Amino acid sequence: MNSDLKFEVEVSELASKGVVRVFCGGSHSGALTSSGKLYLWGKGRSGQLGQGSDIASVAAYRTTPVLFESHNVELACLGGDHTVIVVEK
């Protein structure tokens, strides 16, 4: 077994954000705060990070969470190549 593999990583940028839910997708992850803010990180080759074409490389793996700019998020679902976000009306 490869001893260099990591199965858990601390996301220190979220320590003071009040995270109440964590979501995992195929190659991206997300965290929802108590104030309805959604942070996403990982790969965004299919738009999973909610940044569209505004990111320099869609294939790069982002280790720093990026705030999804939208209305207050109620719920998110992350899958293999998708992110579904339900926002407050």
C-alpha atoms as a PDB file:
ATOM      1  CA  MET A   1       0.000   0.000   0.000  1.00  0.00           C
ATOM      2  CA  ASN A   2       1.226   3.488  -0.844  1.00  0.00           C
ATOM      3  CA  SER A   3       1.992   5.301   2.421  1.00  0.00           C
ATOM      4  CA  ASP A   4       1.835   8.690   0.641  1.00  0.00           C
ATOM      5  CA  LEU A   5      -1.944   8.501   0.193  1.00  0.00           C
ATOM      6  CA  LYS A   6      -3.996  10.885   2.327  1.00  0.00           C
ATOM      7  CA  PHE A   7      -7.576  10.102   3.177  1.00  0.00           C
ATOM      8  CA  GLU A   8      -8.298  13.146   5.278  1.00  0.00           C
ATOM      9  CA  VAL A   9      -7.197  16.742   4.940  1.00  0.00           C
ATOM     10  CA  GLU A  10      -7.952  19.633   7.248  1.00  0.00           C
ATOM     11  CA  VAL A  11      -9.626  22.530   5.427  1.00  0.00           C
ATOM     12  CA  SER A  12      -8.458  25.242   7.803  1.00  0.00           C
ATOM     13  CA  GLU A  13     -10.000  28.048   5.726  1.00  0.00           C
ATOM     14  CA  LEU A  14     -13.429  26.876   6.927  1.00  0.00           C
ATOM     15  CA  ALA A  15     -12.589  26.597  10.643  1.00  0.00           C
ATOM     16  CA  SER A  16     -14.333  29.852  11.597  1.00  0.00           C
ATOM     17  CA  LYS A  17     -17.136  29.782   8.997  1.00  0.00           C
ATOM     18  CA  GLY A  18     -19.742  27.832  11.010  1.00  0.00           C
ATOM     19  CA  VAL A  19     -19.967  24.789   8.737  1.00  0.00           C
ATOM     20  CA  VAL A  20     -23.159  22.774   9.319  1.00  0.00           C
ATOM     21  CA  ARG A  21     -23.058  20.372   6.345  1.00  0.00           C
ATOM     22  CA  VAL A  22     -20.352  18.849   4.168  1.00  0.00           C
ATOM     23  CA  PHE A  23     -20.952  17.444   0.672  1.00  0.00           C
ATOM     24  CA  CYS A  24     -18.733  15.122  -1.369  1.00  0.00           C
ATOM     25  CA  GLY A  25     -18.755  14.626  -5.122  1.00  0.00           C
ATOM     26  CA  GLY A  26     -16.664  12.609  -7.537  1.00  0.00           C
ATOM     27  CA  SER A  27     -13.776  15.075  -7.646  1.00  0.00           C
ATOM     28  CA  HIS A  28     -15.052  18.047  -5.694  1.00  0.00           C
ATOM     29  CA  SER A  29     -16.368  18.838  -2.226  1.00  0.00           C
ATOM     30  CA  GLY A  30     -18.497  21.497  -0.579  1.00  0.00           C
ATOM     31  CA  ALA A  31     -19.361  22.935   2.809  1.00  0.00           C
ATOM     32  CA  LEU A  32     -22.512  24.830   3.789  1.00  0.00           C
ATOM     33  CA  THR A  33     -22.405  27.342   6.641  1.00  0.00           C
ATOM     34  CA  SER A  34     -25.117  28.249   9.126  1.00  0.00           C
ATOM     35  CA  SER A  35     -25.528  31.581   7.303  1.00  0.00           C
ATOM     36  CA  GLY A  36     -26.312  29.872   3.963  1.00  0.00           C
ATOM     37  CA  LYS A  37     -22.929  30.346   2.297  1.00  0.00           C
ATOM     38  CA  LEU A  38     -21.611  27.502   0.137  1.00  0.00           C
ATOM     39  CA  TYR A  39     -17.891  26.908  -0.317  1.00  0.00           C
ATOM     40  CA  LEU A  40     -16.668  24.560  -3.065  1.00  0.00           C
ATOM     41  CA  TRP A  41     -13.254  23.082  -3.876  1.00  0.00           C
ATOM     42  CA  GLY A  42     -11.754  20.345  -6.043  1.00  0.00           C
ATOM     43  CA  LYS A  43     -11.941  19.942  -9.816  1.00  0.00           C
ATOM     44  CA  GLY A  44     -14.331  21.980 -11.939  1.00  0.00           C
ATOM     45  CA  ARG A  45     -13.944  20.495 -15.408  1.00  0.00           C
ATOM     46  CA  SER A  46     -17.728  20.163 -15.773  1.00  0.00           C
ATOM     47  CA  GLY A  47     -18.639  23.381 -13.962  1.00  0.00           C
ATOM     48  CA  GLN A  48     -19.011  21.680 -10.557  1.00  0.00           C
ATOM     49  CA  LEU A  49     -17.472  24.634  -8.704  1.00  0.00           C
ATOM     50  CA  GLY A  50     -20.075  27.099  -9.951  1.00  0.00           C
ATOM     51  CA  GLN A  51     -17.433  29.277 -11.592  1.00  0.00           C
ATOM     52  CA  GLY A  52     -18.206  28.470 -15.240  1.00  0.00           C
ATOM     53  CA  SER A  53     -15.462  29.678 -17.567  1.00  0.00           C
ATOM     54  CA  ASP A  54     -14.219  32.227 -15.003  1.00  0.00           C
ATOM     55  CA  ILE A  55     -11.551  29.832 -13.732  1.00  0.00           C
ATOM     56  CA  ALA A  56      -8.122  29.622 -15.326  1.00  0.00           C
ATOM     57  CA  SER A  57      -7.993  25.830 -15.692  1.00  0.00           C
ATOM     58  CA  VAL A  58     -11.040  23.638 -15.340  1.00  0.00           C
ATOM     59  CA  ALA A  59      -8.826  20.558 -14.899  1.00  0.00           C
ATOM     60  CA  ALA A  60      -6.798  21.923 -11.960  1.00  0.00           C
ATOM     61  CA  TYR A  61      -7.611  20.670  -8.488  1.00  0.00           C
ATOM     62  CA  ARG A  62      -8.343  23.583  -6.149  1.00  0.00           C
ATOM     63  CA  THR A  63      -7.502  22.927  -2.520  1.00  0.00           C
ATOM     64  CA  THR A  64      -8.737  26.317  -1.261  1.00  0.00           C
ATOM     65  CA  PRO A  65     -12.525  26.609  -0.882  1.00  0.00           C
ATOM     66  CA  VAL A  66     -14.167  29.266  -3.053  1.00  0.00           C
ATOM     67  CA  LEU A  67     -17.396  30.980  -2.039  1.00  0.00           C
ATOM     68  CA  PHE A  68     -20.266  30.256  -4.424  1.00  0.00           C
ATOM     69  CA  GLU A  69     -21.736  33.694  -5.101  1.00  0.00           C
ATOM     70  CA  SER A  70     -25.518  33.383  -4.971  1.00  0.00           C
ATOM     71  CA  HIS A  71     -28.529  33.785  -2.753  1.00  0.00           C
ATOM     72  CA  ASN A  72     -28.537  31.924   0.536  1.00  0.00           C
ATOM     73  CA  VAL A  73     -28.079  28.232  -0.164  1.00  0.00           C
ATOM     74  CA  GLU A  74     -30.579  25.833   1.408  1.00  0.00           C
ATOM     75  CA  LEU A  75     -29.119  22.533   0.190  1.00  0.00           C
ATOM     76  CA  ALA A  76     -26.539  21.126  -2.223  1.00  0.00           C
ATOM     77  CA  CYS A  77     -26.009  17.759  -3.865  1.00  0.00           C
ATOM     78  CA  LEU A  78     -22.621  16.878  -5.354  1.00  0.00           C
ATOM     79  CA  GLY A  79     -22.132  13.939  -7.695  1.00  0.00           C
ATOM     80  CA  GLY A  80     -19.582  12.639 -10.174  1.00  0.00           C
ATOM     81  CA  ASP A  81     -19.733  15.559 -12.605  1.00  0.00           C
ATOM     82  CA  HIS A  82     -22.455  17.771 -11.219  1.00  0.00           C
ATOM     83  CA  THR A  83     -23.424  20.130  -8.426  1.00  0.00           C
ATOM     84  CA  VAL A  84     -27.089  20.892  -7.746  1.00  0.00           C
ATOM     85  CA  ILE A  85     -27.770  23.863  -5.480  1.00  0.00           C
ATOM     86  CA  VAL A  86     -31.135  24.850  -3.967  1.00  0.00           C
ATOM     87  CA  VAL A  87     -31.207  28.542  -3.067  1.00  0.00           C
ATOM     88  CA  GLU A  88     -33.562  30.608  -0.922  1.00  0.00           C
ATOM     89  CA  LYS A  89     -36.341  32.219  -2.939  1.00  0.00           C
END
